[in-house]
Amino acid sequence: MMLRRGFIVFLPRLAGLLVVACCSVSIVYMLACTPKGDDEQLALPRVHSPTGKEGYEAILQEREEQHRNYIISLKKQIAQLKAELQGRSEQLKNVQDQFPDSLDIRLDHSNPAKVQANLLAFLRSQIDKAEVHSGVKLSTEYAAVPFESFTLQKVYQLETGLTRHPEEKPVRKDKRDELIEVIELAVGSLNNPEADSDAKQRVYTASDFVEGIYRTEKDKGTLYELTFKGDTKHQFKKIVLFRPFGPVMKVKNENVNMADTLINIIVPLAKRASKFRQFMQNFREMGIQQDGRIHLTVVYFGKEQMNEVKSILENTSKSANFKNFTFIQLNEEFSRGKGLDIGARVWKGNNVVLFFCDVDIYFTAEFLNSCRLNTQPGKKVFYPVLFSQYNPSIIYGHHDSIPSLEQQLIIKKETGFWRDFGFGMTCQYRSDFINIGGFDLDIKGWGGEDVHLYRKYLHSNLIVIRTPVRGLFHLWHEKQCLDELTPEQYKMCMQSKAMNEASHGQLGMLVFRQEIETHLHRQKLSSKKT
């Protein structure tokens, strides 16, 4: 009886709960099924319209299709995340297997300090594996990862294709943000030296930045080398940073004093007295007057035009009060490799930076500083990529006159190209050149000897700095490919000749000149008829 009475008392409460539950379910259903009121939803038909039922059915069918596609998309994302998680787990396991002692990385969130220390150790291992502290042996000259150089305003890039420019200005936003961050970090590092000192420190700013180079090894990270002005004219600060696909990490901070660093420019030559006169004008202005820490070695082959060349050299010496030069004359057939090799070995002074140069090269005082900053005995050699000038008569053929040489030295895709297939202009310390074995003297004539030397350095433990530079130009001259060359040398010479004349578009205009003139003629005729 008591049980029946309790059931009767509980029954109204149960009914009330059921009513509340039904109402809640109805409200949720209405909210879920009501179409959104945004711009992307179809407008609902009116209830009393003739097509109301069909309209609702179409909307419900479309909504069902959208949900089905959304579910399929979620399933794909889940599968991709599972695959990526599996891949990351395997990578982590490989790292743990490879570095069981120094990199005991575990996903142990109970000890965050240990996780952070292990992560830092892993990032530093990336620096050790990258080509930062020492070079790696490479199989061919094409295996070297080139650097790109940059200033506060521009980036000088090698991989340009047909649409990009050899210099990028304005710099693309993502690249600009990256480089600005790196410069700011370097400035912060300079203004916060690690060593405690009571001496008053100068405050560095971005305006002290001279230039930088950087390159990315896709499996390790990005290396940055930044140069800032030092306390005196010939002093510099160099900051090396590394981004191991994570936070940027400082590698080192060093003072670089180049006040006493002499450069011996070695020029092999045969005939070409007029070109030598032009070269000496550039040498006098940039090398003697602006730089001053320079020596010139001319290795001359044969006797034809020799007196004229010696006269140009002696006149420059007298007028500029310059005595740091050596003239060597060889009575034999021209061999660029032999001339450079002799010029390097004849030096009897202290270890010196050698700059192997040709007579048709124009350089700036800023390049000479780059030559010093990117070489280090037993550590680094510098293989700059110079900007090669196109034929001025083609470039400026539509002008009233050809501009002066200084006005022609502009880095644009219409005026020239990065000569990334050339390895002849290079800076290295004499000790490294001697230790590596110098040039292959069996190679005669044009081309080949520079590539062999470059390969020797790639096969060594030295770091090869390969980057485009804004202060080194190859001046255009008509190239003669001699019959005495080997088939391989002749092919290289002809390829170089074809590249020298004009840009892709400019050569195309020359090839299709007849078609263009025919089109213009037809246009004139049609305009006369009308």
Protein backbone atom coordinates (compact mmCIF):
# COMPACT_ATOMS: atom_id res chain seq x y z
CA MET A 1 0.00 0.00 0.00
CA MET A 2 2.81 2.31 0.97
CA LEU A 3 4.61 1.46 -2.28
CA ARG A 4 1.53 2.24 -4.37
CA ARG A 5 1.04 5.57 -2.55
CA GLY A 6 4.67 6.54 -3.17
CA PHE A 7 4.37 5.66 -6.85
CA ILE A 8 1.27 7.85 -7.18
CA VAL A 9 3.13 10.74 -5.52
CA PHE A 10 6.22 10.28 -7.81
CA LEU A 11 4.19 9.95 -11.05
CA PRO A 12 3.46 13.73 -11.52
CA ARG A 13 7.15 14.53 -10.98
CA LEU A 14 8.16 11.95 -13.59
CA ALA A 15 5.65 13.38 -16.05
CA GLY A 16 7.01 16.88 -15.45
CA LEU A 17 10.59 15.73 -16.06
CA LEU A 18 9.56 14.05 -19.31
CA VAL A 19 7.83 17.24 -20.50
CA VAL A 20 10.94 19.33 -19.71
CA ALA A 21 13.17 16.81 -21.51
CA CYS A 22 10.95 16.80 -24.60
CA CYS A 23 10.97 20.59 -24.71
CA SER A 24 14.74 20.70 -24.41
CA VAL A 25 15.16 18.18 -27.22
CA SER A 26 12.77 20.18 -29.40
CA ILE A 27 14.68 23.42 -28.80
CA VAL A 28 18.04 21.78 -29.55
CA TYR A 29 16.61 20.24 -32.73
CA MET A 30 15.23 23.60 -33.89
CA LEU A 31 18.54 25.34 -33.22
CA ALA A 32 20.49 22.63 -35.05
CA CYS A 33 18.24 22.48 -38.07
CA THR A 34 17.48 26.18 -38.47
CA PRO A 35 19.54 27.56 -41.45
CA LYS A 36 22.16 30.19 -40.54
CA GLY A 37 21.32 33.78 -41.27
CA ASP A 38 24.62 34.65 -42.97
CA ASP A 39 25.24 35.60 -46.55
CA GLU A 40 26.30 32.12 -47.55
CA GLN A 41 22.99 30.41 -46.56
CA LEU A 42 20.12 30.10 -49.02
CA ALA A 43 17.03 32.13 -48.11
CA LEU A 44 14.20 29.99 -46.68
CA PRO A 45 10.98 29.92 -48.74
CA ARG A 46 7.89 31.24 -47.08
CA VAL A 47 5.71 28.70 -45.33
CA HIS A 48 2.60 29.45 -47.38
CA SER A 49 4.38 29.68 -50.73
CA PRO A 50 3.56 27.00 -53.34
CA THR A 51 7.17 25.76 -53.30
CA GLY A 52 7.65 25.80 -49.53
CA LYS A 53 7.81 22.04 -49.07
CA GLU A 54 10.12 21.49 -52.05
CA GLY A 55 12.33 24.36 -50.89
CA TYR A 56 12.74 22.89 -47.42
CA GLU A 57 13.50 19.47 -48.85
CA ALA A 58 16.17 20.97 -51.14
CA ILE A 59 17.75 22.88 -48.25
CA LEU A 60 17.73 19.81 -46.01
CA GLN A 61 19.28 17.74 -48.78
CA GLU A 62 21.96 20.37 -49.35
CA ARG A 63 22.64 20.62 -45.61
CA GLU A 64 22.96 16.84 -45.41
CA GLU A 65 25.44 16.91 -48.30
CA GLN A 66 27.47 19.64 -46.58
CA HIS A 67 27.63 17.66 -43.35
CA ARG A 68 28.67 14.56 -45.29
CA ASN A 69 31.49 16.44 -47.03
CA TYR A 70 32.55 17.99 -43.73
CA ILE A 71 32.75 14.57 -42.10
CA ILE A 72 34.83 13.25 -45.02
CA SER A 73 37.17 16.26 -44.71
CA LEU A 74 37.56 15.69 -40.96
CA LYS A 75 38.37 12.04 -41.54
CA LYS A 76 41.08 13.00 -44.05
CA GLN A 77 42.58 15.52 -41.63
CA ILE A 78 42.57 12.95 -38.84
CA ALA A 79 44.33 10.46 -41.11
CA GLN A 80 46.93 13.07 -42.10
CA LEU A 81 47.53 14.03 -38.47
CA LYS A 82 47.94 10.38 -37.51
CA ALA A 83 50.46 9.89 -40.33
CA GLU A 84 52.36 13.04 -39.35
CA LEU A 85 52.33 11.99 -35.68
CA GLN A 86 53.69 8.60 -36.67
CA GLY A 87 56.43 10.26 -38.76
CA ARG A 88 57.39 12.63 -35.94
CA SER A 89 57.49 9.73 -33.50
CA GLU A 90 59.85 7.85 -35.81
CA GLN A 91 62.07 10.94 -36.19
CA LEU A 92 62.18 11.37 -32.42
CA LYS A 93 63.06 7.71 -32.00
CA ASN A 94 65.85 8.03 -34.57
CA VAL A 95 67.24 11.07 -32.74
CA GLN A 96 67.11 9.19 -29.45
CA ASP A 97 68.86 6.21 -31.02
CA GLN A 98 71.51 8.43 -32.61
CA PHE A 99 72.18 10.47 -29.47
CA PRO A 100 71.33 8.17 -26.55
CA ASP A 101 73.53 10.00 -24.05
CA SER A 102 73.55 13.67 -24.95
CA LEU A 103 69.99 13.85 -26.28
CA ASP A 104 67.81 11.90 -23.88
CA ILE A 105 64.65 13.51 -25.23
CA ARG A 106 61.45 12.19 -23.68
CA LEU A 107 57.93 13.49 -23.70
CA ASP A 108 58.00 13.73 -19.93
CA HIS A 109 55.90 16.75 -19.03
CA SER A 110 56.48 16.14 -15.34
CA ASN A 111 60.03 17.53 -15.73
CA PRO A 112 59.82 20.59 -18.04
CA ALA A 113 63.35 21.74 -17.17
CA LYS A 114 64.82 18.49 -18.47
CA VAL A 115 62.69 18.65 -21.62
CA GLN A 116 63.91 22.22 -22.29
CA ALA A 117 67.54 21.21 -21.72
CA ASN A 118 67.19 18.22 -24.06
CA LEU A 119 65.55 20.39 -26.72
CA LEU A 120 68.38 22.94 -26.47
CA ALA A 121 70.92 20.13 -26.81
CA PHE A 122 69.12 18.87 -29.90
CA LEU A 123 69.09 22.35 -31.50
CA ARG A 124 72.80 22.75 -30.80
CA SER A 125 73.41 19.38 -32.43
CA GLN A 126 71.81 20.82 -35.56
CA ILE A 127 74.48 23.55 -35.54
CA ASP A 128 77.20 20.92 -35.21
CA LYS A 129 75.80 18.99 -38.19
CA ALA A 130 75.44 22.10 -40.37
CA GLU A 131 78.37 23.69 -42.22
CA VAL A 132 79.02 26.35 -39.58
CA HIS A 133 82.26 25.55 -37.76
CA SER A 134 83.92 23.56 -40.59
CA GLY A 135 83.37 22.65 -44.21
CA VAL A 136 82.15 19.32 -45.54
CA LYS A 137 83.54 17.35 -48.45
CA LEU A 138 81.43 17.67 -51.59
CA SER A 139 81.49 15.58 -54.74
CA THR A 140 81.04 18.28 -57.44
CA GLU A 141 81.00 22.06 -57.78
CA TYR A 142 77.21 21.93 -58.12
CA ALA A 143 76.76 20.41 -54.66
CA ALA A 144 77.71 23.59 -52.80
CA VAL A 145 74.77 25.48 -51.29
CA PRO A 146 75.24 29.14 -52.35
CA PHE A 147 74.69 32.10 -50.04
CA GLU A 148 72.54 35.12 -50.78
CA SER A 149 73.84 38.53 -49.71
CA PHE A 150 71.80 41.42 -48.35
CA THR A 151 71.91 44.98 -47.07
CA LEU A 152 69.26 46.97 -45.22
CA GLN A 153 67.54 47.76 -48.53
CA LYS A 154 68.26 44.90 -50.94
CA VAL A 155 68.76 41.16 -51.29
CA TYR A 156 71.12 39.87 -54.00
CA GLN A 157 69.91 36.46 -55.12
CA LEU A 158 71.21 33.80 -57.48
CA GLU A 159 68.18 31.68 -58.26
CA THR A 160 66.27 34.22 -60.31
CA GLY A 161 64.72 32.33 -63.23
CA LEU A 162 63.29 34.49 -66.01
CA THR A 163 60.81 36.46 -63.91
CA ARG A 164 62.73 37.36 -60.76
CA HIS A 165 65.43 40.02 -60.58
CA PRO A 166 69.09 39.48 -59.58
CA GLU A 167 68.54 42.09 -56.87
CA GLU A 168 65.29 42.20 -54.96
CA LYS A 169 63.94 45.61 -53.98
CA PRO A 170 61.57 45.98 -52.30
CA VAL A 171 62.28 42.73 -50.52
CA ARG A 172 59.37 40.28 -50.28
CA LYS A 173 57.57 40.72 -46.94
CA ASP A 174 58.30 37.30 -45.45
CA LYS A 175 61.98 37.56 -46.33
CA ARG A 176 62.14 41.16 -45.11
CA ASP A 177 60.59 40.23 -41.75
CA GLU A 178 63.04 37.34 -41.42
CA LEU A 179 66.12 39.47 -42.10
CA ILE A 180 64.90 42.38 -39.94
CA GLU A 181 64.48 39.95 -37.04
CA VAL A 182 68.00 38.63 -37.56
CA ILE A 183 69.51 42.15 -37.73
CA GLU A 184 67.63 43.19 -34.57
CA LEU A 185 68.86 40.10 -32.73
CA ALA A 186 72.43 40.83 -33.84
CA VAL A 187 72.16 44.46 -32.70
CA GLY A 188 70.78 43.29 -29.35
CA SER A 189 73.67 40.85 -28.99
CA LEU A 190 76.23 43.60 -29.73
CA ASN A 191 74.63 45.91 -27.16
CA ASN A 192 74.54 43.19 -24.49
CA PRO A 193 78.01 41.64 -24.38
CA GLU A 194 78.34 38.48 -22.33
CA ALA A 195 81.52 39.57 -20.51
CA ASP A 196 80.95 41.91 -17.58
CA SER A 197 82.85 45.14 -18.03
CA ASP A 198 82.82 48.50 -16.32
CA ALA A 199 83.97 50.20 -19.53
CA LYS A 200 81.37 52.24 -21.33
CA GLN A 201 80.07 50.32 -24.34
CA ARG A 202 79.03 51.98 -27.58
CA VAL A 203 75.42 51.54 -28.63
CA TYR A 204 74.97 49.75 -31.95
CA THR A 205 72.01 50.37 -34.27
CA ALA A 206 70.83 48.94 -37.57
CA SER A 207 72.63 51.83 -39.32
CA ASP A 208 75.94 50.18 -38.33
CA PHE A 209 75.04 47.10 -40.38
CA VAL A 210 77.30 46.77 -43.44
CA GLU A 211 76.15 43.58 -45.17
CA GLY A 212 75.22 40.00 -44.50
CA ILE A 213 75.08 36.62 -46.16
CA TYR A 214 72.78 33.70 -45.46
CA ARG A 215 71.89 30.28 -46.79
CA THR A 216 69.50 27.47 -45.86
CA GLU A 217 70.39 23.82 -45.59
CA LYS A 218 66.95 22.32 -45.93
CA ASP A 219 67.52 19.47 -43.47
CA LYS A 220 69.28 21.57 -40.80
CA GLY A 221 68.45 25.27 -40.78
CA THR A 222 69.54 28.72 -41.90
CA LEU A 223 72.97 30.23 -41.28
CA TYR A 224 73.43 34.02 -41.11
CA GLU A 225 76.74 35.92 -41.05
CA LEU A 226 76.30 39.65 -40.39
CA THR A 227 79.00 42.34 -40.51
CA PHE A 228 78.76 45.63 -38.59
CA LYS A 229 81.03 48.67 -38.41
CA GLY A 230 83.61 48.48 -35.65
CA ASP A 231 85.13 51.18 -33.49
CA THR A 232 87.60 52.34 -36.15
CA LYS A 233 87.59 52.53 -39.94
CA HIS A 234 89.09 49.11 -40.56
CA GLN A 235 87.48 47.30 -37.64
CA PHE A 236 84.32 45.27 -37.96
CA LYS A 237 82.02 43.22 -35.77
CA LYS A 238 80.88 39.89 -37.14
CA ILE A 239 77.85 38.06 -35.73
CA VAL A 240 77.03 34.47 -36.74
CA LEU A 241 73.47 33.28 -36.12
CA PHE A 242 71.75 30.00 -36.86
CA ARG A 243 68.05 29.21 -37.12
CA PRO A 244 67.67 25.43 -36.69
CA PHE A 245 64.06 25.45 -37.92
CA GLY A 246 63.22 26.87 -34.52
CA PRO A 247 64.36 29.83 -32.41
CA VAL A 248 67.36 31.75 -33.73
CA MET A 249 70.49 30.87 -31.75
CA LYS A 250 73.68 32.91 -31.47
CA VAL A 251 76.75 30.94 -32.53
CA LYS A 252 79.49 33.50 -31.89
CA ASN A 253 80.30 37.17 -31.52
CA GLU A 254 83.77 38.29 -32.58
CA ASN A 255 85.82 41.40 -33.32
CA VAL A 256 87.44 41.48 -36.76
CA ASN A 257 90.32 43.92 -37.34
CA MET A 258 91.26 44.24 -41.02
CA ALA A 259 93.58 47.24 -40.69
CA ASP A 260 96.69 45.18 -41.47
CA THR A 261 95.11 42.62 -43.83
CA LEU A 262 96.83 42.98 -47.18
CA ILE A 263 95.27 41.74 -50.43
CA ASN A 264 97.54 40.66 -53.28
CA ILE A 265 95.62 41.03 -56.53
CA ILE A 266 97.10 38.68 -59.14
CA VAL A 267 96.32 39.40 -62.81
CA PRO A 268 97.54 37.07 -65.61
CA LEU A 269 97.83 38.94 -68.90
CA ALA A 270 98.81 38.66 -72.55
CA LYS A 271 98.50 41.68 -74.87
CA ARG A 272 95.24 43.59 -74.17
CA ALA A 273 97.05 46.81 -73.22
CA SER A 274 93.92 48.97 -73.68
CA LYS A 275 91.97 46.75 -71.26
CA PHE A 276 94.85 46.94 -68.79
CA ARG A 277 94.74 50.75 -68.94
CA GLN A 278 91.02 50.63 -68.04
CA PHE A 279 91.73 48.12 -65.27
CA MET A 280 94.43 50.37 -63.78
CA GLN A 281 92.02 53.32 -63.64
CA ASN A 282 89.70 51.19 -61.52
CA PHE A 283 92.63 49.83 -59.47
CA ARG A 284 93.96 53.32 -58.76
CA GLU A 285 90.61 54.71 -57.58
CA MET A 286 89.32 51.72 -55.58
CA GLY A 287 92.50 49.90 -54.61
CA ILE A 288 95.01 52.69 -54.00
CA GLN A 289 92.97 55.78 -53.13
CA GLN A 290 90.01 54.25 -51.24
CA ASP A 291 91.43 51.03 -49.77
CA GLY A 292 95.21 51.39 -49.57
CA ARG A 293 95.99 47.92 -48.17
CA ILE A 294 96.72 46.28 -51.48
CA HIS A 295 99.46 44.78 -53.65
CA LEU A 296 99.31 44.13 -57.41
CA THR A 297 101.05 41.25 -59.17
CA VAL A 298 100.94 41.20 -62.97
CA VAL A 299 102.11 37.99 -64.68
CA TYR A 300 102.67 38.82 -68.35
CA PHE A 301 102.99 36.21 -71.12
CA GLY A 302 105.03 37.02 -74.23
CA LYS A 303 106.60 40.29 -75.33
CA GLU A 304 103.97 41.80 -77.62
CA GLN A 305 102.56 45.02 -76.02
CA MET A 306 104.66 44.29 -72.91
CA ASN A 307 106.42 47.66 -72.92
CA GLU A 308 103.07 49.45 -73.16
CA VAL A 309 101.71 47.48 -70.19
CA LYS A 310 104.85 48.18 -68.13
CA SER A 311 104.59 51.88 -69.01
CA ILE A 312 100.97 52.03 -67.77
CA LEU A 313 102.01 50.32 -64.54
CA GLU A 314 105.00 52.60 -63.95
CA ASN A 315 103.02 55.78 -64.72
CA THR A 316 100.37 54.77 -62.20
CA SER A 317 103.10 54.07 -59.66
CA LYS A 318 104.63 57.50 -60.08
CA SER A 319 101.41 59.54 -60.16
CA ALA A 320 99.80 57.72 -57.21
CA ASN A 321 103.05 57.18 -55.25
CA PHE A 322 102.31 53.46 -55.27
CA LYS A 323 105.17 50.96 -55.06
CA ASN A 324 103.36 47.78 -53.96
CA PHE A 325 103.45 45.95 -57.27
CA THR A 326 105.29 43.06 -58.89
CA PHE A 327 105.74 42.52 -62.63
CA ILE A 328 106.65 39.03 -63.87
CA GLN A 329 107.30 38.30 -67.54
CA LEU A 330 107.15 34.77 -69.03
CA ASN A 331 108.27 33.94 -72.57
CA GLU A 332 105.66 31.28 -73.22
CA GLU A 333 102.09 30.68 -74.33
CA PHE A 334 99.37 32.20 -72.17
CA SER A 335 98.02 29.94 -69.40
CA ARG A 336 95.76 31.58 -66.85
CA GLY A 337 96.26 28.84 -64.28
CA LYS A 338 100.04 28.99 -64.51
CA GLY A 339 100.07 32.76 -64.30
CA LEU A 340 97.98 32.76 -61.12
CA ASP A 341 99.99 29.90 -59.63
CA ILE A 342 103.32 31.66 -60.24
CA GLY A 343 101.93 34.95 -58.93
CA ALA A 344 100.82 33.24 -55.71
CA ARG A 345 104.06 31.32 -55.12
CA VAL A 346 106.43 34.22 -55.84
CA TRP A 347 105.12 36.09 -52.78
CA LYS A 348 107.73 36.04 -49.98
CA GLY A 349 106.02 38.09 -47.28
CA ASN A 350 103.68 37.04 -44.49
CA ASN A 351 100.52 35.07 -45.17
CA VAL A 352 98.38 37.22 -47.47
CA VAL A 353 94.91 37.20 -48.99
CA LEU A 354 95.11 36.36 -52.70
CA PHE A 355 92.52 37.79 -55.07
CA PHE A 356 92.68 36.05 -58.45
CA CYS A 357 91.44 38.62 -60.92
CA ASP A 358 91.13 39.14 -64.69
CA VAL A 359 91.86 42.34 -66.58
CA ASP A 360 88.19 42.74 -67.60
CA ILE A 361 86.97 42.90 -63.98
CA TYR A 362 85.72 46.00 -62.17
CA PHE A 363 85.69 45.95 -58.36
CA THR A 364 84.77 48.37 -55.61
CA ALA A 365 86.43 49.13 -52.26
CA GLU A 366 83.46 47.46 -50.54
CA PHE A 367 84.23 44.24 -52.41
CA LEU A 368 87.81 44.29 -51.12
CA ASN A 369 86.42 44.38 -47.58
CA SER A 370 84.12 41.45 -48.44
CA CYS A 371 87.19 39.62 -49.75
CA ARG A 372 88.88 40.03 -46.37
CA LEU A 373 85.82 39.30 -44.25
CA ASN A 374 84.91 36.06 -46.03
CA THR A 375 88.36 34.47 -45.91
CA GLN A 376 90.09 32.92 -42.93
CA PRO A 377 93.29 30.87 -43.05
CA GLY A 378 92.62 27.18 -42.54
CA LYS A 379 88.88 27.88 -42.29
CA LYS A 380 87.20 29.72 -45.18
CA VAL A 381 87.73 30.58 -48.85
CA PHE A 382 85.60 33.06 -50.79
CA TYR A 383 84.08 32.35 -54.22
CA PRO A 384 82.01 35.46 -55.06
CA VAL A 385 79.48 35.34 -57.88
CA LEU A 386 80.09 38.46 -59.94
CA PHE A 387 77.58 40.40 -62.02
CA SER A 388 78.32 40.02 -65.73
CA GLN A 389 77.56 42.94 -68.00
CA TYR A 390 75.64 42.47 -71.27
CA ASN A 391 76.78 43.99 -74.56
CA PRO A 392 76.24 47.77 -74.08
CA SER A 393 75.60 48.31 -77.80
CA ILE A 394 72.57 46.00 -77.52
CA ILE A 395 71.36 47.24 -74.13
CA TYR A 396 71.61 50.93 -75.04
CA GLY A 397 71.09 50.58 -78.79
CA HIS A 398 67.88 52.64 -78.63
CA HIS A 399 69.63 55.48 -76.73
CA ASP A 400 71.33 58.48 -78.32
CA SER A 401 74.65 57.43 -76.79
CA ILE A 402 76.08 54.71 -74.55
CA PRO A 403 76.38 55.88 -70.91
CA SER A 404 79.71 56.05 -69.11
CA LEU A 405 81.12 52.89 -67.56
CA GLU A 406 80.14 53.89 -64.00
CA GLN A 407 76.54 54.53 -65.14
CA GLN A 408 76.42 51.09 -66.78
CA LEU A 409 77.26 49.23 -63.57
CA ILE A 410 73.67 48.70 -62.44
CA ILE A 411 72.40 45.35 -61.21
CA LYS A 412 69.23 44.72 -63.20
CA LYS A 413 68.08 41.82 -65.34
CA GLU A 414 68.19 44.10 -68.41
CA THR A 415 71.84 45.01 -67.85
CA GLY A 416 73.45 41.69 -66.91
CA PHE A 417 73.25 38.43 -64.98
CA TRP A 418 74.86 36.64 -62.06
CA ARG A 419 77.74 34.67 -63.53
CA ASP A 420 77.08 31.60 -61.40
CA PHE A 421 78.89 29.26 -63.82
CA GLY A 422 82.20 31.07 -63.31
CA PHE A 423 84.70 30.24 -60.56
CA GLY A 424 87.71 32.31 -61.69
CA MET A 425 87.46 35.33 -59.35
CA THR A 426 88.24 34.07 -55.88
CA CYS A 427 89.79 35.14 -52.56
CA GLN A 428 91.77 32.82 -50.30
CA TYR A 429 94.78 32.95 -48.07
CA ARG A 430 98.05 31.97 -49.69
CA SER A 431 98.62 29.24 -47.10
CA ASP A 432 95.36 27.54 -48.08
CA PHE A 433 96.20 27.82 -51.77
CA ILE A 434 99.61 26.21 -51.21
CA ASN A 435 98.22 23.50 -48.93
CA ILE A 436 95.47 22.57 -51.38
CA GLY A 437 98.05 22.06 -54.14
CA GLY A 438 97.43 25.14 -56.31
CA PHE A 439 96.29 24.94 -59.93
CA ASP A 440 96.48 21.99 -62.26
CA LEU A 441 99.25 23.24 -64.56
CA ASP A 442 98.51 20.63 -67.23
CA ILE A 443 95.46 22.68 -68.28
CA LYS A 444 96.36 25.11 -71.07
CA GLY A 445 94.48 28.04 -72.57
CA TRP A 446 91.00 29.16 -71.55
CA GLY A 447 88.82 27.68 -68.81
CA GLY A 448 88.90 24.58 -66.66
CA GLU A 449 91.70 25.41 -64.22
CA ASP A 450 89.43 27.46 -61.95
CA VAL A 451 86.83 24.68 -61.71
CA HIS A 452 89.52 22.16 -60.70
CA LEU A 453 90.74 24.46 -57.91
CA TYR A 454 87.16 25.03 -56.75
CA ARG A 455 86.59 21.27 -56.59
CA LYS A 456 89.73 20.84 -54.49
CA TYR A 457 88.33 23.23 -51.91
CA LEU A 458 84.96 21.49 -51.98
CA HIS A 459 86.70 18.17 -51.32
CA SER A 460 88.54 19.67 -48.33
CA ASN A 461 87.36 20.59 -44.85
CA LEU A 462 87.39 24.32 -45.59
CA ILE A 463 84.14 26.29 -45.75
CA VAL A 464 83.48 27.62 -49.26
CA ILE A 465 81.57 30.93 -49.21
CA ARG A 466 79.70 31.19 -52.50
CA THR A 467 77.47 34.25 -52.79
CA PRO A 468 76.56 37.04 -55.24
CA VAL A 469 78.32 40.33 -54.46
CA ARG A 470 77.24 43.80 -55.50
CA GLY A 471 80.76 45.22 -55.92
CA LEU A 472 82.29 42.88 -58.51
CA PHE A 473 81.51 43.22 -62.23
CA HIS A 474 82.63 41.43 -65.37
CA LEU A 475 82.86 44.07 -68.09
CA TRP A 476 81.56 43.04 -71.49
CA HIS A 477 84.05 42.34 -74.23
CA GLU A 478 83.79 40.39 -77.44
CA LYS A 479 84.82 36.82 -76.73
CA GLN A 480 87.02 34.87 -79.16
CA CYS A 481 86.96 31.07 -78.93
CA LEU A 482 90.21 29.79 -80.46
CA ASP A 483 90.49 26.66 -82.59
CA GLU A 484 93.36 25.40 -80.42
CA LEU A 485 90.99 24.76 -77.51
CA THR A 486 89.91 21.21 -76.69
CA PRO A 487 86.30 20.33 -77.62
CA GLU A 488 85.23 20.64 -73.97
CA GLN A 489 86.97 24.02 -73.54
CA TYR A 490 85.55 25.27 -76.85
CA LYS A 491 82.04 24.29 -75.78
CA MET A 492 82.46 26.11 -72.47
CA CYS A 493 83.79 29.17 -74.28
CA MET A 494 80.85 29.27 -76.72
CA GLN A 495 78.32 28.87 -73.91
CA SER A 496 79.95 31.78 -72.11
CA LYS A 497 79.89 33.83 -75.32
CA ALA A 498 76.17 33.19 -75.83
CA MET A 499 75.36 34.18 -72.25
CA ASN A 500 77.32 37.45 -72.52
CA GLU A 501 75.41 39.24 -75.24
CA ALA A 502 71.97 40.14 -73.89
CA SER A 503 69.04 38.99 -71.79
CA HIS A 504 66.56 36.35 -72.90
CA GLY A 505 64.03 39.01 -73.91
CA GLN A 506 66.57 41.22 -75.66
CA LEU A 507 67.93 38.33 -77.71
CA GLY A 508 64.37 37.39 -78.58
CA MET A 509 63.76 40.89 -79.93
CA LEU A 510 66.84 40.51 -82.15
CA VAL A 511 65.77 37.08 -83.39
CA PHE A 512 62.25 38.29 -84.21
CA ARG A 513 63.30 41.69 -85.53
CA GLN A 514 62.08 40.91 -89.05
CA GLU A 515 58.65 39.87 -87.79
CA ILE A 516 58.39 43.02 -85.68
CA GLU A 517 59.35 45.26 -88.60
CA THR A 518 56.85 43.47 -90.87
CA HIS A 519 54.11 44.01 -88.28
CA LEU A 520 54.92 47.72 -87.98
CA HIS A 521 54.91 48.07 -91.77
CA ARG A 522 51.45 46.47 -92.00
CA GLN A 523 50.16 48.75 -89.27
CA LYS A 524 51.32 51.81 -91.20
CA LEU A 525 49.66 50.59 -94.40
CA SER A 526 46.36 49.87 -92.66
CA SER A 527 46.37 53.31 -90.99
CA LYS A 528 46.91 55.03 -94.37
CA LYS A 529 43.97 53.18 -95.92
CA THR A 530 41.64 54.30 -93.15
